[in-house]
Full PDB file with SEQRES, HELIX, SHEET, SSBOND, CRYST1, ORIGX, SCALE, CONECT and MASTER records, all heavy atoms in Angstrom:
SEQRES   1 A   35  VAL VAL ASN ASP PHE PHE PHE SER GLY GLU ARG THR PRO          
SEQRES   2 A   35  ARG GLY ALA GLY PRO CYS ARG LEU LEU CYS VAL THR THR          
SEQRES   3 A   35  ALA ALA GLU TRP LEU LYS ASN THR THR                          
HELIX    1 AA1 ASP A    4  SER A    8  1                                   5    
HELIX    2 AA2 GLU A   29  LYS A   32  1                                   4    
CRYST1    1.000    1.000    1.000  90.00  90.00  90.00 P 1           1          
ORIGX1      1.000000  0.000000  0.000000        0.00000                         
ORIGX2      0.000000  1.000000  0.000000        0.00000                         
ORIGX3      0.000000  0.000000  1.000000        0.00000                         
SCALE1      1.000000  0.000000  0.000000        0.00000                         
SCALE2      0.000000  1.000000  0.000000        0.00000                         
SCALE3      0.000000  0.000000  1.000000        0.00000                         
ATOM      1  N   VAL A   1      -3.454 -22.698 -27.570  1.00  0.00           N  
ATOM      2  CA  VAL A   1      -2.160 -23.296 -27.318  1.00  0.00           C  
ATOM      3  C   VAL A   1      -1.606 -22.857 -25.904  1.00  0.00           C  
ATOM      4  O   VAL A   1      -1.744 -21.674 -25.650  1.00  0.00           O  
ATOM      5  CB  VAL A   1      -1.122 -22.978 -28.429  1.00  0.00           C  
ATOM      6  CG1 VAL A   1       0.224 -23.604 -28.146  1.00  0.00           C  
ATOM      7  CG2 VAL A   1      -1.670 -23.537 -29.731  1.00  0.00           C  
ATOM      8  N   VAL A   2      -0.970 -23.773 -25.227  1.00  0.00           N  
ATOM      9  CA  VAL A   2      -0.353 -23.565 -23.989  1.00  0.00           C  
ATOM     10  C   VAL A   2       1.166 -23.568 -24.226  1.00  0.00           C  
ATOM     11  O   VAL A   2       1.712 -24.414 -24.815  1.00  0.00           O  
ATOM     12  CB  VAL A   2      -0.681 -24.558 -22.914  1.00  0.00           C  
ATOM     13  CG1 VAL A   2       0.097 -24.405 -21.682  1.00  0.00           C  
ATOM     14  CG2 VAL A   2      -2.197 -24.448 -22.548  1.00  0.00           C  
ATOM     15  N   ASN A   3       1.863 -22.550 -23.659  1.00  0.00           N  
ATOM     16  CA  ASN A   3       3.302 -22.504 -23.740  1.00  0.00           C  
ATOM     17  C   ASN A   3       3.980 -23.813 -23.143  1.00  0.00           C  
ATOM     18  O   ASN A   3       3.513 -24.314 -22.168  1.00  0.00           O  
ATOM     19  CB  ASN A   3       3.901 -21.281 -23.089  1.00  0.00           C  
ATOM     20  CG  ASN A   3       3.687 -19.956 -23.793  1.00  0.00           C  
ATOM     21  OD1 ASN A   3       3.861 -19.959 -24.999  1.00  0.00           O  
ATOM     22  ND2 ASN A   3       3.232 -19.023 -23.158  1.00  0.00           N  
ATOM     23  N   ASP A   4       5.104 -24.195 -23.777  1.00  0.00           N  
ATOM     24  CA  ASP A   4       5.748 -25.406 -23.389  1.00  0.00           C  
ATOM     25  C   ASP A   4       6.112 -25.492 -21.919  1.00  0.00           C  
ATOM     26  O   ASP A   4       6.202 -26.506 -21.254  1.00  0.00           O  
ATOM     27  CB  ASP A   4       7.017 -25.705 -24.248  1.00  0.00           C  
ATOM     28  CG  ASP A   4       6.538 -26.069 -25.654  1.00  0.00           C  
ATOM     29  OD1 ASP A   4       5.534 -26.517 -25.884  1.00  0.00           O  
ATOM     30  OD2 ASP A   4       7.414 -25.895 -26.583  1.00  0.00           O  
ATOM     31  N   PHE A   5       6.548 -24.253 -21.341  1.00  0.00           N  
ATOM     32  CA  PHE A   5       7.046 -24.292 -19.975  1.00  0.00           C  
ATOM     33  C   PHE A   5       5.965 -24.644 -18.962  1.00  0.00           C  
ATOM     34  O   PHE A   5       6.291 -24.926 -17.822  1.00  0.00           O  
ATOM     35  CB  PHE A   5       7.735 -23.021 -19.605  1.00  0.00           C  
ATOM     36  CG  PHE A   5       6.984 -21.736 -19.939  1.00  0.00           C  
ATOM     37  CD1 PHE A   5       5.906 -21.265 -19.188  1.00  0.00           C  
ATOM     38  CD2 PHE A   5       7.414 -20.950 -21.099  1.00  0.00           C  
ATOM     39  CE1 PHE A   5       5.264 -20.105 -19.625  1.00  0.00           C  
ATOM     40  CE2 PHE A   5       6.776 -19.785 -21.462  1.00  0.00           C  
ATOM     41  CZ  PHE A   5       5.644 -19.411 -20.709  1.00  0.00           C  
ATOM     42  N   PHE A   6       4.704 -24.627 -19.329  1.00  0.00           N  
ATOM     43  CA  PHE A   6       3.661 -25.076 -18.420  1.00  0.00           C  
ATOM     44  C   PHE A   6       3.752 -26.567 -18.216  1.00  0.00           C  
ATOM     45  O   PHE A   6       3.391 -27.114 -17.186  1.00  0.00           O  
ATOM     46  CB  PHE A   6       2.254 -24.708 -18.859  1.00  0.00           C  
ATOM     47  CG  PHE A   6       1.960 -23.237 -18.653  1.00  0.00           C  
ATOM     48  CD1 PHE A   6       2.143 -22.228 -19.644  1.00  0.00           C  
ATOM     49  CD2 PHE A   6       1.461 -22.764 -17.426  1.00  0.00           C  
ATOM     50  CE1 PHE A   6       1.847 -20.936 -19.429  1.00  0.00           C  
ATOM     51  CE2 PHE A   6       1.141 -21.483 -17.157  1.00  0.00           C  
ATOM     52  CZ  PHE A   6       1.357 -20.530 -18.211  1.00  0.00           C  
ATOM     53  N   PHE A   7       4.096 -27.271 -19.271  1.00  0.00           N  
ATOM     54  CA  PHE A   7       4.275 -28.728 -19.199  1.00  0.00           C  
ATOM     55  C   PHE A   7       5.521 -29.152 -18.494  1.00  0.00           C  
ATOM     56  O   PHE A   7       5.604 -30.122 -17.885  1.00  0.00           O  
ATOM     57  CB  PHE A   7       4.260 -29.305 -20.629  1.00  0.00           C  
ATOM     58  CG  PHE A   7       3.041 -29.131 -21.320  1.00  0.00           C  
ATOM     59  CD1 PHE A   7       2.828 -27.998 -22.211  1.00  0.00           C  
ATOM     60  CD2 PHE A   7       1.948 -30.077 -21.219  1.00  0.00           C  
ATOM     61  CE1 PHE A   7       1.634 -27.811 -22.898  1.00  0.00           C  
ATOM     62  CE2 PHE A   7       0.768 -29.859 -21.880  1.00  0.00           C  
ATOM     63  CZ  PHE A   7       0.654 -28.748 -22.808  1.00  0.00           C  
ATOM     64  N   SER A   8       6.620 -28.385 -18.594  1.00  0.00           N  
ATOM     65  CA  SER A   8       7.915 -28.842 -18.125  1.00  0.00           C  
ATOM     66  C   SER A   8       8.318 -28.401 -16.734  1.00  0.00           C  
ATOM     67  O   SER A   8       9.276 -28.979 -16.171  1.00  0.00           O  
ATOM     68  CB  SER A   8       8.987 -28.294 -19.148  1.00  0.00           C  
ATOM     69  OG  SER A   8       8.994 -26.897 -19.130  1.00  0.00           O  
ATOM     70  N   GLY A   9       7.532 -27.485 -16.205  1.00  0.00           N  
ATOM     71  CA  GLY A   9       7.815 -27.051 -14.794  1.00  0.00           C  
ATOM     72  C   GLY A   9       7.690 -28.183 -13.758  1.00  0.00           C  
ATOM     73  O   GLY A   9       6.876 -29.066 -13.960  1.00  0.00           O  
ATOM     74  N   GLU A  10       8.456 -28.018 -12.723  1.00  0.00           N  
ATOM     75  CA  GLU A  10       8.378 -28.978 -11.558  1.00  0.00           C  
ATOM     76  C   GLU A  10       7.316 -28.509 -10.501  1.00  0.00           C  
ATOM     77  O   GLU A  10       7.366 -27.362 -10.070  1.00  0.00           O  
ATOM     78  CB  GLU A  10       9.653 -29.160 -10.939  1.00  0.00           C  
ATOM     79  CG  GLU A  10      10.724 -29.904 -11.779  1.00  0.00           C  
ATOM     80  CD  GLU A  10      10.380 -31.287 -12.074  1.00  0.00           C  
ATOM     81  OE1 GLU A  10       9.763 -31.958 -11.079  1.00  0.00           O  
ATOM     82  OE2 GLU A  10      10.647 -31.837 -13.147  1.00  0.00           O  
ATOM     83  N   ARG A  11       6.375 -29.406 -10.088  1.00  0.00           N  
ATOM     84  CA  ARG A  11       5.371 -29.037  -9.121  1.00  0.00           C  
ATOM     85  C   ARG A  11       6.069 -28.939  -7.781  1.00  0.00           C  
ATOM     86  O   ARG A  11       6.915 -29.818  -7.398  1.00  0.00           O  
ATOM     87  CB  ARG A  11       4.247 -30.034  -9.116  1.00  0.00           C  
ATOM     88  CG  ARG A  11       3.359 -29.823 -10.343  1.00  0.00           C  
ATOM     89  CD  ARG A  11       1.994 -30.474 -10.083  1.00  0.00           C  
ATOM     90  NE  ARG A  11       1.276 -30.035  -8.916  1.00  0.00           N  
ATOM     91  CZ  ARG A  11       0.687 -28.777  -8.881  1.00  0.00           C  
ATOM     92  NH1 ARG A  11       0.723 -27.988  -9.981  1.00  0.00           N  
ATOM     93  NH2 ARG A  11       0.126 -28.347  -7.756  1.00  0.00           N  
ATOM     94  N   THR A  12       5.644 -28.001  -6.867  1.00  0.00           N  
ATOM     95  CA  THR A  12       6.063 -27.980  -5.557  1.00  0.00           C  
ATOM     96  C   THR A  12       5.022 -28.763  -4.744  1.00  0.00           C  
ATOM     97  O   THR A  12       3.882 -28.346  -4.672  1.00  0.00           O  
ATOM     98  CB  THR A  12       6.109 -26.442  -5.085  1.00  0.00           C  
ATOM     99  OG1 THR A  12       6.964 -25.725  -5.877  1.00  0.00           O  
ATOM    100  CG2 THR A  12       6.597 -26.419  -3.614  1.00  0.00           C  
ATOM    101  N   PRO A  13       5.478 -29.816  -4.081  1.00  0.00           N  
ATOM    102  CA  PRO A  13       4.534 -30.609  -3.299  1.00  0.00           C  
ATOM    103  C   PRO A  13       3.884 -29.792  -2.161  1.00  0.00           C  
ATOM    104  O   PRO A  13       4.406 -28.839  -1.675  1.00  0.00           O  
ATOM    105  CB  PRO A  13       5.453 -31.759  -2.684  1.00  0.00           C  
ATOM    106  CG  PRO A  13       6.647 -31.755  -3.522  1.00  0.00           C  
ATOM    107  CD  PRO A  13       6.853 -30.362  -4.044  1.00  0.00           C  
ATOM    108  N   ARG A  14       2.654 -30.198  -1.850  1.00  0.00           N  
ATOM    109  CA  ARG A  14       1.993 -29.502  -0.809  1.00  0.00           C  
ATOM    110  C   ARG A  14       2.586 -29.829   0.512  1.00  0.00           C  
ATOM    111  O   ARG A  14       2.849 -30.983   0.874  1.00  0.00           O  
ATOM    112  CB  ARG A  14       0.464 -29.881  -0.817  1.00  0.00           C  
ATOM    113  CG  ARG A  14      -0.313 -29.226   0.305  1.00  0.00           C  
ATOM    114  CD  ARG A  14      -1.863 -29.498   0.219  1.00  0.00           C  
ATOM    115  NE  ARG A  14      -2.586 -28.879   1.335  1.00  0.00           N  
ATOM    116  CZ  ARG A  14      -3.854 -28.921   1.439  1.00  0.00           C  
ATOM    117  NH1 ARG A  14      -4.602 -29.647   0.592  1.00  0.00           N  
ATOM    118  NH2 ARG A  14      -4.442 -28.424   2.478  1.00  0.00           N  
ATOM    119  N   GLY A  15       2.816 -28.793   1.336  1.00  0.00           N  
ATOM    120  CA  GLY A  15       3.447 -28.984   2.637  1.00  0.00           C  
ATOM    121  C   GLY A  15       2.385 -28.998   3.701  1.00  0.00           C  
ATOM    122  O   GLY A  15       1.236 -29.237   3.442  1.00  0.00           O  
ATOM    123  N   ALA A  16       2.918 -28.726   4.952  1.00  0.00           N  
ATOM    124  CA  ALA A  16       1.965 -28.820   6.084  1.00  0.00           C  
ATOM    125  C   ALA A  16       1.282 -27.503   6.320  1.00  0.00           C  
ATOM    126  O   ALA A  16       0.451 -27.394   7.259  1.00  0.00           O  
ATOM    127  CB  ALA A  16       2.803 -29.185   7.340  1.00  0.00           C  
ATOM    128  N   GLY A  17       1.691 -26.427   5.574  1.00  0.00           N  
ATOM    129  CA  GLY A  17       1.033 -25.197   5.732  1.00  0.00           C  
ATOM    130  C   GLY A  17      -0.349 -25.029   5.133  1.00  0.00           C  
ATOM    131  O   GLY A  17      -0.942 -26.071   4.758  1.00  0.00           O  
ATOM    132  N   PRO A  18      -0.809 -23.792   5.003  1.00  0.00           N  
ATOM    133  CA  PRO A  18      -2.127 -23.489   4.466  1.00  0.00           C  
ATOM    134  C   PRO A  18      -2.246 -24.052   2.971  1.00  0.00           C  
ATOM    135  O   PRO A  18      -1.191 -24.096   2.206  1.00  0.00           O  
ATOM    136  CB  PRO A  18      -2.305 -21.998   4.522  1.00  0.00           C  
ATOM    137  CG  PRO A  18      -1.297 -21.588   5.491  1.00  0.00           C  
ATOM    138  CD  PRO A  18      -0.225 -22.501   5.483  1.00  0.00           C  
ATOM    139  N   CYS A  19      -3.383 -24.414   2.470  1.00  0.00           N  
ATOM    140  CA  CYS A  19      -3.627 -24.780   1.139  1.00  0.00           C  
ATOM    141  C   CYS A  19      -3.331 -23.584   0.223  1.00  0.00           C  
ATOM    142  O   CYS A  19      -3.898 -22.452   0.543  1.00  0.00           O  
ATOM    143  CB  CYS A  19      -5.040 -25.273   0.965  1.00  0.00           C  
ATOM    144  SG  CYS A  19      -5.404 -25.886  -0.717  1.00  0.00           S  
ATOM    145  N   ARG A  20      -2.541 -23.781  -0.816  1.00  0.00           N  
ATOM    146  CA  ARG A  20      -2.152 -22.638  -1.701  1.00  0.00           C  
ATOM    147  C   ARG A  20      -3.177 -22.532  -2.891  1.00  0.00           C  
ATOM    148  O   ARG A  20      -3.149 -23.379  -3.789  1.00  0.00           O  
ATOM    149  CB  ARG A  20      -0.678 -22.912  -2.229  1.00  0.00           C  
ATOM    150  CG  ARG A  20       0.261 -23.071  -1.078  1.00  0.00           C  
ATOM    151  CD  ARG A  20       1.539 -23.760  -1.575  1.00  0.00           C  
ATOM    152  NE  ARG A  20       1.213 -25.078  -2.169  1.00  0.00           N  
ATOM    153  CZ  ARG A  20       2.150 -25.887  -2.684  1.00  0.00           C  
ATOM    154  NH1 ARG A  20       3.441 -25.501  -2.718  1.00  0.00           N  
ATOM    155  NH2 ARG A  20       1.789 -27.038  -3.143  1.00  0.00           N  
ATOM    156  N   LEU A  21      -3.940 -21.494  -2.877  1.00  0.00           N  
ATOM    157  CA  LEU A  21      -4.924 -21.266  -3.952  1.00  0.00           C  
ATOM    158  C   LEU A  21      -4.478 -20.194  -4.877  1.00  0.00           C  
ATOM    159  O   LEU A  21      -3.781 -19.212  -4.449  1.00  0.00           O  
ATOM    160  CB  LEU A  21      -6.278 -20.919  -3.362  1.00  0.00           C  
ATOM    161  CG  LEU A  21      -6.867 -21.890  -2.320  1.00  0.00           C  
ATOM    162  CD1 LEU A  21      -8.187 -21.389  -1.744  1.00  0.00           C  
ATOM    163  CD2 LEU A  21      -7.072 -23.283  -3.010  1.00  0.00           C  
ATOM    164  N   LEU A  22      -4.815 -20.311  -6.128  1.00  0.00           N  
ATOM    165  CA  LEU A  22      -4.449 -19.267  -7.109  1.00  0.00           C  
ATOM    166  C   LEU A  22      -5.626 -18.789  -7.862  1.00  0.00           C  
ATOM    167  O   LEU A  22      -6.423 -19.570  -8.411  1.00  0.00           O  
ATOM    168  CB  LEU A  22      -3.392 -19.925  -8.071  1.00  0.00           C  
ATOM    169  CG  LEU A  22      -2.942 -19.025  -9.264  1.00  0.00           C  
ATOM    170  CD1 LEU A  22      -2.230 -17.742  -8.759  1.00  0.00           C  
ATOM    171  CD2 LEU A  22      -2.033 -19.807 -10.213  1.00  0.00           C  
ATOM    172  N   CYS A  23      -5.719 -17.560  -8.123  1.00  0.00           N  
ATOM    173  CA  CYS A  23      -6.795 -16.955  -8.988  1.00  0.00           C  
ATOM    174  C   CYS A  23      -6.145 -16.034 -10.006  1.00  0.00           C  
ATOM    175  O   CYS A  23      -5.431 -15.145  -9.667  1.00  0.00           O  
ATOM    176  CB  CYS A  23      -7.800 -16.172  -8.126  1.00  0.00           C  
ATOM    177  SG  CYS A  23      -9.007 -15.278  -9.117  1.00  0.00           S  
ATOM    178  N   VAL A  24      -6.172 -16.357 -11.242  1.00  0.00           N  
ATOM    179  CA  VAL A  24      -5.642 -15.556 -12.314  1.00  0.00           C  
ATOM    180  C   VAL A  24      -6.815 -14.833 -12.947  1.00  0.00           C  
ATOM    181  O   VAL A  24      -7.695 -15.505 -13.540  1.00  0.00           O  
ATOM    182  CB  VAL A  24      -4.869 -16.369 -13.366  1.00  0.00           C  
ATOM    183  CG1 VAL A  24      -4.321 -15.483 -14.490  1.00  0.00           C  
ATOM    184  CG2 VAL A  24      -3.870 -17.206 -12.747  1.00  0.00           C  
ATOM    185  N   THR A  25      -6.882 -13.490 -12.877  1.00  0.00           N  
ATOM    186  CA  THR A  25      -8.101 -12.750 -13.175  1.00  0.00           C  
ATOM    187  C   THR A  25      -7.656 -11.427 -13.963  1.00  0.00           C  
ATOM    188  O   THR A  25      -6.549 -11.166 -14.279  1.00  0.00           O  
ATOM    189  CB  THR A  25      -8.884 -12.449 -11.927  1.00  0.00           C  
ATOM    190  OG1 THR A  25     -10.122 -11.844 -12.265  1.00  0.00           O  
ATOM    191  CG2 THR A  25      -8.062 -11.528 -10.981  1.00  0.00           C  
ATOM    192  N   THR A  26      -8.721 -10.635 -14.180  1.00  0.00           N  
ATOM    193  CA  THR A  26      -8.533  -9.336 -14.817  1.00  0.00           C  
ATOM    194  C   THR A  26      -9.443  -8.382 -14.033  1.00  0.00           C  
ATOM    195  O   THR A  26     -10.135  -8.663 -13.108  1.00  0.00           O  
ATOM    196  CB  THR A  26      -8.945  -9.324 -16.262  1.00  0.00           C  
ATOM    197  OG1 THR A  26     -10.399  -9.496 -16.356  1.00  0.00           O  
ATOM    198  CG2 THR A  26      -8.332 -10.522 -16.996  1.00  0.00           C  
ATOM    199  N   ALA A  27      -9.402  -7.098 -14.558  1.00  0.00           N  
ATOM    200  CA  ALA A  27     -10.217  -6.026 -13.907  1.00  0.00           C  
ATOM    201  C   ALA A  27     -11.657  -6.052 -14.386  1.00  0.00           C  
ATOM    202  O   ALA A  27     -12.494  -5.345 -13.840  1.00  0.00           O  
ATOM    203  CB  ALA A  27      -9.627  -4.636 -14.224  1.00  0.00           C  
ATOM    204  N   ALA A  28     -12.055  -7.033 -15.278  1.00  0.00           N  
ATOM    205  CA  ALA A  28     -13.407  -7.094 -15.792  1.00  0.00           C  
ATOM    206  C   ALA A  28     -14.192  -7.817 -14.715  1.00  0.00           C  
ATOM    207  O   ALA A  28     -14.570  -9.009 -14.830  1.00  0.00           O  
ATOM    208  CB  ALA A  28     -13.424  -7.851 -17.065  1.00  0.00           C  
ATOM    209  N   GLU A  29     -14.529  -7.104 -13.648  1.00  0.00           N  
ATOM    210  CA  GLU A  29     -15.262  -7.696 -12.431  1.00  0.00           C  
ATOM    211  C   GLU A  29     -16.615  -8.355 -12.874  1.00  0.00           C  
ATOM    212  O   GLU A  29     -17.008  -9.299 -12.346  1.00  0.00           O  
ATOM    213  CB  GLU A  29     -15.405  -6.632 -11.402  1.00  0.00           C  
ATOM    214  CG  GLU A  29     -16.076  -7.158 -10.119  1.00  0.00           C  
ATOM    215  CD  GLU A  29     -15.248  -8.118  -9.432  1.00  0.00           C  
ATOM    216  OE1 GLU A  29     -14.110  -8.450  -9.787  1.00  0.00           O  
ATOM    217  OE2 GLU A  29     -15.744  -8.835  -8.487  1.00  0.00           O  
ATOM    218  N   TRP A  30     -17.338  -7.672 -13.785  1.00  0.00           N  
ATOM    219  CA  TRP A  30     -18.644  -8.223 -14.271  1.00  0.00           C  
ATOM    220  C   TRP A  30     -18.497  -9.600 -14.879  1.00  0.00           C  
ATOM    221  O   TRP A  30     -19.468 -10.383 -14.792  1.00  0.00           O  
ATOM    222  CB  TRP A  30     -19.284  -7.226 -15.309  1.00  0.00           C  
ATOM    223  CG  TRP A  30     -18.491  -7.106 -16.532  1.00  0.00           C  
ATOM    224  CD1 TRP A  30     -17.487  -6.385 -16.799  1.00  0.00           C  
ATOM    225  CD2 TRP A  30     -18.756  -7.921 -17.666  1.00  0.00           C  
ATOM    226  NE1 TRP A  30     -17.031  -6.559 -18.064  1.00  0.00           N  
ATOM    227  CE2 TRP A  30     -17.773  -7.524 -18.702  1.00  0.00           C  
ATOM    228  CE3 TRP A  30     -19.680  -8.913 -18.120  1.00  0.00           C  
ATOM    229  CZ2 TRP A  30     -17.694  -8.117 -19.917  1.00  0.00           C  
ATOM    230  CZ3 TRP A  30     -19.561  -9.457 -19.334  1.00  0.00           C  
ATOM    231  CH2 TRP A  30     -18.590  -9.051 -20.270  1.00  0.00           C  
ATOM    232  N   LEU A  31     -17.303  -9.890 -15.367  1.00  0.00           N  
ATOM    233  CA  LEU A  31     -17.093 -11.155 -15.933  1.00  0.00           C  
ATOM    234  C   LEU A  31     -16.356 -12.133 -14.989  1.00  0.00           C  
ATOM    235  O   LEU A  31     -16.852 -13.293 -14.830  1.00  0.00           O  
ATOM    236  CB  LEU A  31     -16.200 -10.910 -17.214  1.00  0.00           C  
ATOM    237  CG  LEU A  31     -15.888 -12.112 -18.152  1.00  0.00           C  
ATOM    238  CD1 LEU A  31     -17.218 -12.497 -18.859  1.00  0.00           C  
ATOM    239  CD2 LEU A  31     -14.858 -11.771 -19.200  1.00  0.00           C  
ATOM    240  N   LYS A  32     -15.309 -11.718 -14.365  1.00  0.00           N  
ATOM    241  CA  LYS A  32     -14.489 -12.623 -13.563  1.00  0.00           C  
ATOM    242  C   LYS A  32     -14.926 -12.815 -12.143  1.00  0.00           C  
ATOM    243  O   LYS A  32     -14.622 -13.771 -11.479  1.00  0.00           O  
ATOM    244  CB  LYS A  32     -13.028 -12.065 -13.584  1.00  0.00           C  
ATOM    245  CG  LYS A  32     -12.417 -11.998 -14.885  1.00  0.00           C  
ATOM    246  CD  LYS A  32     -12.301 -13.384 -15.552  1.00  0.00           C  
ATOM    247  CE  LYS A  32     -11.529 -13.340 -16.850  1.00  0.00           C  
ATOM    248  NZ  LYS A  32     -11.416 -14.653 -17.477  1.00  0.00           N  
ATOM    249  N   ASN A  33     -15.767 -11.858 -11.565  1.00  0.00           N  
ATOM    250  CA  ASN A  33     -16.312 -12.029 -10.285  1.00  0.00           C  
ATOM    251  C   ASN A  33     -15.347 -12.301  -9.182  1.00  0.00           C  
ATOM    252  O   ASN A  33     -15.475 -13.314  -8.396  1.00  0.00           O  
ATOM    253  CB  ASN A  33     -17.396 -13.044 -10.369  1.00  0.00           C  
ATOM    254  CG  ASN A  33     -18.332 -13.031  -8.990  1.00  0.00           C  
ATOM    255  OD1 ASN A  33     -18.414 -11.936  -8.384  1.00  0.00           O  
ATOM    256  ND2 ASN A  33     -19.056 -14.116  -8.813  1.00  0.00           N  
ATOM    257  N   THR A  34     -14.227 -11.609  -9.201  1.00  0.00           N  
ATOM    258  CA  THR A  34     -13.225 -11.777  -8.170  1.00  0.00           C  
ATOM    259  C   THR A  34     -13.716 -11.464  -6.719  1.00  0.00           C  
ATOM    260  O   THR A  34     -13.379 -12.116  -5.812  1.00  0.00           O  
ATOM    261  CB  THR A  34     -11.958 -10.885  -8.437  1.00  0.00           C  
ATOM    262  OG1 THR A  34     -11.583 -11.121  -9.768  1.00  0.00           O  
ATOM    263  CG2 THR A  34     -10.788 -11.293  -7.524  1.00  0.00           C  
ATOM    264  N   THR A  35     -14.646 -10.455  -6.674  1.00  0.00           N  
ATOM    265  CA  THR A  35     -15.246 -10.123  -5.322  1.00  0.00           C  
ATOM    266  C   THR A  35     -16.013 -11.346  -4.833  1.00  0.00           C  
ATOM    267  O   THR A  35     -16.039 -11.655  -3.663  1.00  0.00           O  
ATOM    268  CB  THR A  35     -16.165  -8.913  -5.458  1.00  0.00           C  
ATOM    269  OG1 THR A  35     -15.349  -7.886  -6.040  1.00  0.00           O  
ATOM    270  CG2 THR A  35     -16.675  -8.506  -4.171  1.00  0.00           C  
TER     271      THR A  35                                                      
MASTER        0    0    0    2    0    0    0    6  270    1    0    3          
END                                                                             
């Protein structure tokens, strides 16, 4: 299940600046491979 506020939030339109990337991870590097 996803919390309701993920559905109700307002998106911020992409502007002229750099592309905004997001990585949600953990310290389990063998699994998540953040490096």
